[in-house]
Structure formats: structure tokens, C-alpha cells
Protein backbone atom coordinates (compact mmCIF):
# COMPACT_ATOMS: atom_id res chain seq x y z
CA MET A 1 -18.39 -17.32 11.41
CA GLU A 2 -20.36 -17.01 14.63
CA ASN A 3 -18.73 -16.55 18.00
CA GLN A 4 -18.58 -19.71 20.06
CA GLN A 5 -17.86 -19.97 23.76
CA PHE A 6 -15.97 -22.28 26.08
CA THR A 7 -16.93 -22.02 29.74
CA THR A 8 -15.48 -23.67 32.82
CA THR A 9 -15.54 -23.07 36.56
CA ASP A 10 -12.92 -22.71 39.29
CA PHE A 11 -10.06 -21.95 36.92
CA ALA A 12 -6.79 -21.84 38.87
CA LEU A 13 -4.38 -19.04 37.97
CA GLU A 14 -0.61 -19.21 38.32
CA SER A 15 -0.86 -16.73 41.21
CA GLY A 16 -2.89 -19.23 43.22
CA GLU A 17 -6.11 -17.24 42.83
CA VAL A 18 -9.13 -18.99 41.34
CA LEU A 19 -11.57 -17.51 38.83
CA PRO A 20 -15.04 -18.79 39.81
CA SER A 21 -16.06 -18.79 36.15
CA LEU A 22 -14.03 -18.59 32.95
CA THR A 23 -15.35 -17.98 29.45
CA LEU A 24 -13.31 -17.84 26.25
CA ALA A 25 -14.81 -16.69 22.96
CA TYR A 26 -13.52 -18.30 19.77
CA THR A 27 -14.28 -18.86 16.10
CA THR A 28 -13.41 -21.72 13.77
CA TYR A 29 -12.60 -21.97 10.07
CA GLY A 30 -12.27 -25.00 7.82
CA THR A 31 -13.17 -28.63 8.53
CA ARG A 32 -11.92 -30.64 11.46
CA ALA A 33 -10.35 -33.98 10.51
CA ALA A 34 -11.81 -37.19 11.91
CA ASP A 35 -8.74 -37.63 14.12
CA SER A 36 -8.67 -33.90 15.03
CA ARG A 37 -4.99 -33.69 14.11
CA ASN A 38 -5.25 -30.91 11.51
CA VAL A 39 -5.81 -28.07 14.00
CA VAL A 40 -4.04 -24.71 14.03
CA LEU A 41 -4.58 -22.25 16.88
CA VAL A 42 -4.41 -18.61 15.78
CA THR A 43 -3.72 -16.11 18.55
CA HIS A 44 -4.46 -12.40 18.34
CA GLY A 45 -2.65 -9.20 19.26
CA TYR A 46 -2.94 -6.98 22.34
CA THR A 47 -5.80 -4.78 21.19
CA SER A 48 -7.39 -6.96 18.50
CA SER A 49 -9.74 -9.94 18.72
CA HIS A 50 -10.27 -13.53 17.66
CA ARG A 51 -11.96 -12.21 14.48
CA MET A 52 -8.50 -11.13 13.25
CA VAL A 53 -8.45 -13.58 10.33
CA GLU A 54 -11.57 -12.12 8.73
CA ALA A 55 -11.93 -9.30 6.23
CA GLY A 56 -12.35 -6.13 8.24
CA GLY A 57 -10.74 -7.80 11.24
CA GLY A 58 -9.01 -4.59 12.26
CA ALA A 59 -5.57 -3.08 11.94
CA GLY A 60 -3.06 -5.73 11.02
CA SER A 61 -5.71 -8.33 10.15
CA TRP A 62 -4.42 -11.73 8.99
CA HIS A 63 -7.14 -12.08 6.36
CA SER A 64 -4.46 -12.35 3.68
CA LEU A 65 -2.80 -15.32 5.43
CA VAL A 66 -5.60 -17.55 6.71
CA GLY A 67 -8.30 -19.05 4.52
CA PRO A 68 -8.96 -21.38 1.59
CA GLY A 69 -5.79 -21.75 -0.48
CA LYS A 70 -3.88 -19.23 1.64
CA ALA A 71 -0.66 -19.77 3.57
CA ILE A 72 -2.58 -21.25 6.50
CA ASP A 73 -4.89 -23.20 4.21
CA THR A 74 -8.33 -23.89 5.60
CA ASN A 75 -8.96 -26.33 2.75
CA ARG A 76 -6.64 -28.66 4.69
CA LEU A 77 -6.42 -27.20 8.16
CA PHE A 78 -8.98 -26.53 10.87
CA VAL A 79 -8.27 -23.13 12.41
CA ILE A 80 -9.40 -22.16 15.88
CA SER A 81 -8.99 -18.46 16.63
CA SER A 82 -9.27 -17.88 20.36
CA ASN A 83 -9.89 -14.70 22.28
CA MET A 84 -7.56 -14.06 25.21
CA LEU A 85 -8.50 -14.38 28.84
CA GLY A 86 -8.69 -10.77 30.02
CA SER A 87 -9.56 -9.34 26.61
CA SER A 88 -12.70 -7.46 25.60
CA TYR A 89 -14.46 -9.55 22.99
CA GLY A 90 -16.52 -12.10 24.86
CA SER A 91 -14.02 -13.64 27.25
CA THR A 92 -13.81 -13.24 31.01
CA SER A 93 -12.24 -9.85 31.67
CA PRO A 94 -12.33 -6.88 34.05
CA ALA A 95 -15.65 -5.79 32.51
CA SER A 96 -17.20 -9.15 33.40
CA ILE A 97 -19.46 -9.39 36.44
CA ASN A 98 -17.71 -10.49 39.59
CA PRO A 99 -20.06 -13.13 41.04
CA ARG A 100 -19.00 -12.13 44.54
CA THR A 101 -20.15 -8.52 44.14
CA GLY A 102 -22.62 -8.48 41.24
CA LYS A 103 -20.61 -5.64 39.66
CA PRO A 104 -17.79 -5.54 37.11
CA TYR A 105 -14.44 -6.79 38.40
CA GLY A 106 -12.78 -3.56 37.29
CA PRO A 107 -9.40 -3.08 38.96
CA ASP A 108 -10.17 -6.04 41.26
CA PHE A 109 -9.73 -8.49 38.38
CA PRO A 110 -7.07 -11.04 39.38
CA ARG A 111 -3.58 -10.54 38.09
CA ILE A 112 -2.97 -12.96 35.22
CA THR A 113 0.07 -14.08 33.21
CA VAL A 114 0.69 -15.13 29.62
CA GLY A 115 0.87 -18.63 31.10
CA ASP A 116 -2.70 -18.25 32.36
CA ILE A 117 -3.85 -17.07 28.93
CA VAL A 118 -2.31 -20.16 27.30
CA ASN A 119 -3.53 -22.51 30.03
CA ALA A 120 -7.07 -21.26 29.43
CA GLN A 121 -6.70 -22.03 25.72
CA LYS A 122 -5.38 -25.51 26.58
CA ALA A 123 -8.43 -26.13 28.77
CA MET A 124 -10.63 -25.08 25.85
CA LEU A 125 -8.84 -27.42 23.45
CA ASP A 126 -9.11 -30.28 25.94
CA ARG A 127 -12.86 -29.72 26.19
CA LEU A 128 -13.09 -29.70 22.39
CA GLY A 129 -11.23 -33.01 22.21
CA ILE A 130 -8.19 -31.62 20.38
CA PRO A 131 -5.29 -34.00 21.07
CA HIS A 132 -2.55 -32.06 19.28
CA LEU A 133 -1.87 -28.85 17.35
CA VAL A 134 -0.17 -28.56 13.98
CA ALA A 135 0.82 -25.02 14.95
CA VAL A 136 0.13 -21.97 17.06
CA ALA A 137 0.43 -18.80 14.99
CA GLY A 138 -0.04 -15.15 15.77
CA PRO A 139 1.32 -11.60 15.62
CA SER A 140 2.50 -9.34 18.44
CA TYR A 141 0.82 -10.48 21.69
CA GLY A 142 -0.28 -13.51 19.68
CA GLY A 143 3.40 -14.25 19.11
CA TYR A 144 4.01 -14.07 22.85
CA GLN A 145 1.35 -16.74 23.21
CA ALA A 146 2.97 -18.86 20.51
CA PHE A 147 6.30 -18.83 22.35
CA GLN A 148 4.50 -19.62 25.62
CA TRP A 149 2.77 -22.58 24.01
CA ALA A 150 6.12 -23.90 22.78
CA VAL A 151 7.68 -23.91 26.25
CA ALA A 152 4.59 -24.82 28.30
CA TYR A 153 3.28 -27.67 26.13
CA PRO A 154 6.30 -28.79 24.11
CA ASP A 155 4.84 -32.15 23.04
CA PHE A 156 1.45 -30.73 22.07
CA VAL A 157 2.58 -28.45 19.23
CA ASP A 158 4.45 -29.26 16.01
CA GLY A 159 5.30 -25.68 15.11
CA ILE A 160 4.86 -22.05 16.09
CA VAL A 161 4.68 -18.93 13.95
CA ALA A 162 5.65 -15.87 15.98
CA ALA A 163 5.36 -12.65 13.97
CA VAL A 164 6.25 -9.03 14.87
CA THR A 165 6.91 -10.11 18.44
CA SER A 166 9.53 -11.24 20.93
CA PRO A 167 10.01 -14.27 23.19
CA LYS A 168 10.08 -11.92 26.18
CA ASP A 169 8.52 -8.65 27.28
CA LEU A 170 10.46 -5.52 26.35
CA GLY A 171 8.49 -2.96 28.38
CA GLY A 172 8.43 -4.16 31.99
CA PRO A 173 6.55 -2.46 34.84
CA ALA A 174 7.49 0.96 33.44
CA ALA A 175 5.25 0.33 30.43
CA THR A 176 2.35 -0.47 32.73
CA ARG A 177 2.94 2.71 34.71
CA ARG A 178 2.96 4.77 31.51
CA LEU A 179 -0.35 3.21 30.46
CA LEU A 180 -1.93 3.91 33.84
CA ASP A 181 -0.70 7.51 33.70
CA GLN A 182 -2.35 7.96 30.29
CA LEU A 183 -5.66 6.51 31.45
CA ALA A 184 -5.64 8.52 34.67
CA GLN A 185 -5.73 11.73 32.62
CA ASP A 186 -9.36 11.00 31.78
CA PRO A 187 -11.72 12.81 34.20
CA ASN A 188 -13.85 9.64 34.48
CA TRP A 189 -10.97 7.29 35.38
CA ASN A 190 -11.67 7.16 39.13
CA GLY A 191 -8.92 4.64 39.80
CA GLY A 192 -10.41 2.30 37.20
CA TRP A 193 -13.97 2.45 38.59
CA TYR A 194 -15.47 4.28 35.62
CA TYR A 195 -18.26 1.90 34.58
CA ASP A 196 -21.04 4.07 36.03
CA ARG A 197 -19.40 7.29 34.82
CA GLY A 198 -19.76 6.75 31.09
CA GLY A 199 -16.35 5.18 30.50
CA VAL A 200 -13.05 6.82 29.59
CA ARG A 201 -13.54 7.65 25.90
CA THR A 202 -11.21 10.65 25.89
CA ALA A 203 -8.22 8.70 27.19
CA MET A 204 -8.98 5.62 25.11
CA THR A 205 -9.32 7.63 21.89
CA ALA A 206 -5.99 9.36 22.49
CA TYR A 207 -4.40 6.01 23.33
CA ARG A 208 -5.72 4.29 20.21
CA VAL A 209 -4.72 7.08 17.83
CA ASN A 210 -1.18 7.09 19.25
CA VAL A 211 -0.92 3.31 19.05
CA LEU A 212 -2.10 3.19 15.44
CA LYS A 213 0.46 5.82 14.50
CA PHE A 214 3.24 3.96 16.31
CA TYR A 215 2.21 0.75 14.58
CA GLY A 216 2.59 2.41 11.17
CA ILE A 217 -0.95 3.31 10.12
CA GLU A 218 0.13 6.61 8.56
CA ALA A 219 2.22 4.78 5.96
CA GLN A 220 -0.80 2.64 5.09
CA LEU A 221 -3.05 5.68 4.64
CA ALA A 222 -0.56 8.06 2.99
CA ALA A 223 -1.63 7.41 -0.59
CA GLN A 224 -5.36 7.53 0.20
CA TYR A 225 -5.04 10.64 2.41
CA PRO A 226 -2.06 12.73 1.27
CA ASP A 227 -3.34 15.69 3.29
CA ALA A 228 -2.15 15.40 6.91
CA ALA A 229 -5.38 16.75 8.41
CA ALA A 230 -7.52 14.38 6.39
CA ARG A 231 -5.25 11.50 7.38
CA GLU A 232 -5.55 12.46 11.06
CA ALA A 233 -9.34 12.50 10.78
CA ALA A 234 -9.30 9.08 9.12
CA ILE A 235 -7.18 7.64 11.91
CA ARG A 236 -9.60 8.99 14.51
CA ARG A 237 -12.50 7.40 12.62
CA MET A 238 -10.62 4.11 12.58
CA ALA A 239 -10.13 4.39 16.35
CA GLU A 240 -13.80 4.88 17.17
CA PRO A 241 -15.09 1.27 16.88
CA TRP A 242 -12.20 0.04 19.01
CA VAL A 243 -12.86 2.68 21.67
CA GLU A 244 -16.49 1.52 21.82
CA ALA A 245 -15.52 -2.15 22.17
CA PHE A 246 -12.40 -2.25 24.32
CA ASP A 247 -12.30 -1.90 28.10
CA ALA A 248 -9.52 0.22 29.58
CA ASN A 249 -9.02 -2.16 32.50
CA ALA A 250 -8.46 -4.97 30.01
CA LEU A 251 -5.55 -2.97 28.58
CA VAL A 252 -4.05 -2.79 32.05
CA VAL A 253 -4.61 -6.47 32.87
CA LEU A 254 -3.06 -7.66 29.60
CA ARG A 255 -0.14 -5.24 29.95
CA ARG A 256 0.57 -6.43 33.51
CA ALA A 257 0.46 -10.03 32.32
CA LEU A 258 3.61 -9.32 30.31
CA GLU A 259 5.71 -8.05 33.20
CA THR A 260 6.90 -11.55 34.08
CA PHE A 261 6.92 -12.91 30.53
CA ASP A 262 10.27 -14.35 29.40
CA THR A 263 10.43 -17.69 27.61
CA THR A 264 14.11 -17.48 26.66
CA PRO A 265 15.42 -19.46 29.70
CA LEU A 266 13.02 -22.24 28.70
CA PHE A 267 14.10 -22.51 25.06
CA PRO A 268 15.69 -25.95 25.69
CA ARG A 269 12.16 -27.25 26.32
CA ILE A 270 10.99 -26.36 22.81
CA ARG A 271 10.29 -29.31 20.51
CA ALA A 272 8.26 -27.35 17.96
CA LYS A 273 9.71 -25.92 14.78
CA VAL A 274 9.77 -22.14 14.87
CA LEU A 275 9.13 -19.51 12.21
CA TYR A 276 10.07 -16.06 13.50
CA ALA A 277 9.03 -13.08 11.38
CA LEU A 278 9.81 -9.41 11.92
CA SER A 279 9.02 -6.29 9.89
CA ARG A 280 11.86 -4.11 8.60
CA THR A 281 10.10 -0.93 9.74
CA ASP A 282 8.53 -2.10 13.00
CA LYS A 283 9.35 0.32 15.82
CA LEU A 284 7.91 -1.98 18.47
CA PHE A 285 9.83 -5.14 17.54
CA PRO A 286 12.68 -4.03 15.26
CA PRO A 287 14.66 -6.57 13.22
CA THR A 288 17.66 -5.91 15.47
CA LEU A 289 16.01 -8.38 17.86
CA ALA A 290 16.41 -11.27 15.45
CA PRO A 291 20.13 -12.17 15.77
CA ASP A 292 19.96 -12.67 19.53
CA VAL A 293 16.66 -14.57 19.43
CA MET A 294 17.82 -16.85 16.63
CA ALA A 295 21.17 -17.48 18.29
CA LYS A 296 19.45 -18.51 21.53
CA LEU A 297 17.03 -20.78 19.68
CA LYS A 298 19.89 -22.40 17.79
CA ALA A 299 21.93 -22.84 20.99
CA ALA A 300 18.93 -24.64 22.50
CA GLY A 301 18.78 -27.01 19.53
CA VAL A 302 15.54 -25.56 18.16
CA ASP A 303 14.73 -25.93 14.45
CA ALA A 304 14.10 -22.25 13.75
CA ARG A 305 13.75 -20.10 10.63
CA TYR A 306 13.69 -16.33 10.33
CA VAL A 307 12.01 -14.15 7.73
CA GLU A 308 12.14 -10.36 7.51
CA ILE A 309 9.11 -8.67 5.99
CA ASP A 310 10.38 -5.92 3.67
CA SER A 311 7.45 -3.62 4.35
CA GLU A 312 6.87 0.08 4.97
CA LEU A 313 3.89 -0.72 7.22
CA GLY A 314 5.74 -1.20 10.49
CA HIS A 315 4.05 -3.31 13.14
CA LEU A 316 1.05 -3.86 10.88
CA ALA A 317 3.11 -5.53 8.16
CA SER A 318 2.50 -9.18 9.06
CA GLY A 319 -1.15 -8.88 8.03
CA LEU A 320 -1.47 -5.84 5.79
CA ASP A 321 1.58 -6.91 3.76
CA GLY A 322 0.90 -10.59 4.28
CA PRO A 323 1.69 -11.51 0.65
CA MET A 324 5.30 -10.40 1.24
CA TRP A 325 5.98 -13.32 3.56
CA ALA A 326 3.10 -15.66 2.75
CA PRO A 327 5.29 -17.95 0.58
CA GLU A 328 7.67 -18.58 3.51
CA LEU A 329 4.75 -19.14 5.86
CA ALA A 330 3.12 -21.54 3.36
CA ARG A 331 6.36 -23.54 3.06
CA PHE A 332 6.66 -23.73 6.83
CA MET A 333 3.08 -24.96 7.20
CA ARG A 334 3.51 -27.55 4.43
CA ASP A 335 6.65 -28.87 6.15
CA LEU A 336 4.67 -29.35 9.36
CA VAL A 337 1.99 -31.48 7.73
CA SER A 338 4.07 -33.30 5.10
């Protein structure tokens, strides 16, 4: 599927700042019903893109879950996969040209929130004439967006699927500081003004390799590369396309957007059904989060289900081991449209 774009002007952020121009990249799959009421919004993770439901869509791809006859069945459903505001794959971001200066926004990009990311998607759906969503579904940062959709637009969404994620940020400002410290080790960093210095490949490569390992990529590659050195080389090869595509300032902007993210006080607003999925071996969002989240959802009167993915693939399990929880996801989706 080809990239499509939604563009608008004078987009107001929750901070009160206004983006003179806003573009969101997106792709679509399946056929839109005449009444446009068969639409599912798929939301992507922190470092991935709106192509996440395609074969080769990157680490943790949801190719096994979205498509004809799959759990999110594009024979019946029309899927819109939207890039995030602030991300690096065709949407307005720090690498975009600031119309006031004629240069990339860089560190001057306005501070955004998860609410802004979702509000931009809502503006896109309004322009497309989508009156309602069957579901919002996504892993990791995509799950943050799903929870935000449920509390921000409670009557617009029938269900959310939030996988390998949490309804609130777990890292806080300290996580942003750690990220900035890592990036600042690159000799080209220059306080984030590196665009005319050749970028920050050294820091971004180290960052990506560490993230893939933390997500569980070594377990995925163990059988194919039993030798540790060969496995390390394979991981670095996997990191290279991402390093070429992703802007370091986008990492910072999206990380900062999480510092105020906490939907749990707003759970009583949720009208959507919820499917919450965690991976047994995920170090980022361990299953120990589930009892508290589910108790709070239940206390708020939310119709919520939980599924644990019995996978060795850590944070990547929701996509790479998609068949392990696809039956539960398929049942949840059928219940929404029955």
C-alpha cells in the first residue's frame, strides 16, 4: 500500500502552541463500508512506523495479526494505520522544515503530548469522514495511544486493544534525561543541531542495538545465529535501516510526550471494551502490571479482558508471536462487530 497524507493548518496543541502546518502519513488496508462504520485504527510503537502491519514492517511487526482472514480481518474491516505526530516516517516532526526559519525545527519543535498525537489522528479521521471506530489497536506506544483514545473520545470507539503497554508512563523525566545523555555522547550532537553535521549515526546505532536487545531480539535470533558474535553482527545489520530513517530529535520529542501521560484517573470515562495483552518475558512492561491495571479498569466499570502471551520474545511478542494470542484477539474483534 502507498503512503497517503493528511494535511491541515494551524493545529492547536494542548500546550497552547500552534503548529502552522501538520501532516500525518497513513496507509489503509481492506475496503471501507458504505457507512464507514467498519474502521479500525492501528497505532504503532515508539520507534516503528505506520507500515507495521506489513511483511517486513520491522521488529515486532503485526503482519501476523492484521490482514485477510487474520485476527483483525481486512476482509470485513477497513484498517487505517496512522503515523504519529512527531515521528520520522512522513509526519510533521523535528526534522520537518520550520516555516518561520526555513530550517528543520530540531530542538525547537514544540513540546507535544500523547493527547496531541491522538487529537491529530482524530482530525485526520474527521477529514476522511469516519464517524466512528470499531477499535483502536496497537503495541507499546501504540497501546498508549489506544488508552488515550478511550479516555479522550469515549463515544467514538467501541473497543481498544492495548498490547505490551501500560495506561501510564513508567519512565518519567528521568527516562528523557537518560536518552539525552546517550545522544549527547555523539560528537555531532551539538545540542540537537546536527542536521548539517552528518547526523548522529554513532549514538543512534548504539541506541538501536541496545533497544533491540532489551526488547528481546536475541531470543528471536538465537536459533539462526547460535554464535554470539554472529548474532551481534546480525543485530547491528538490523539496526542500520532504522538508523538511516529515524531522527534523533523525534526520539526526544516522543519520549517527552510521555512524561505527563497517565490515563488511569480517567478510567471512569471509558465506554469502550478493553483487551489488555502483556508478554510473559517483556522487561519493559512485565505481566506484574496486569493485576493493578485490571483492578482499576474493573473498579471504573470497564468491560476489560486480559491475555498473557506465553512467549520467549519479550517486548516483541505481540507481533512476532502473534499466533499465540491471535485467537483471543479475533474473539474480541468479533464481539465488537457482532
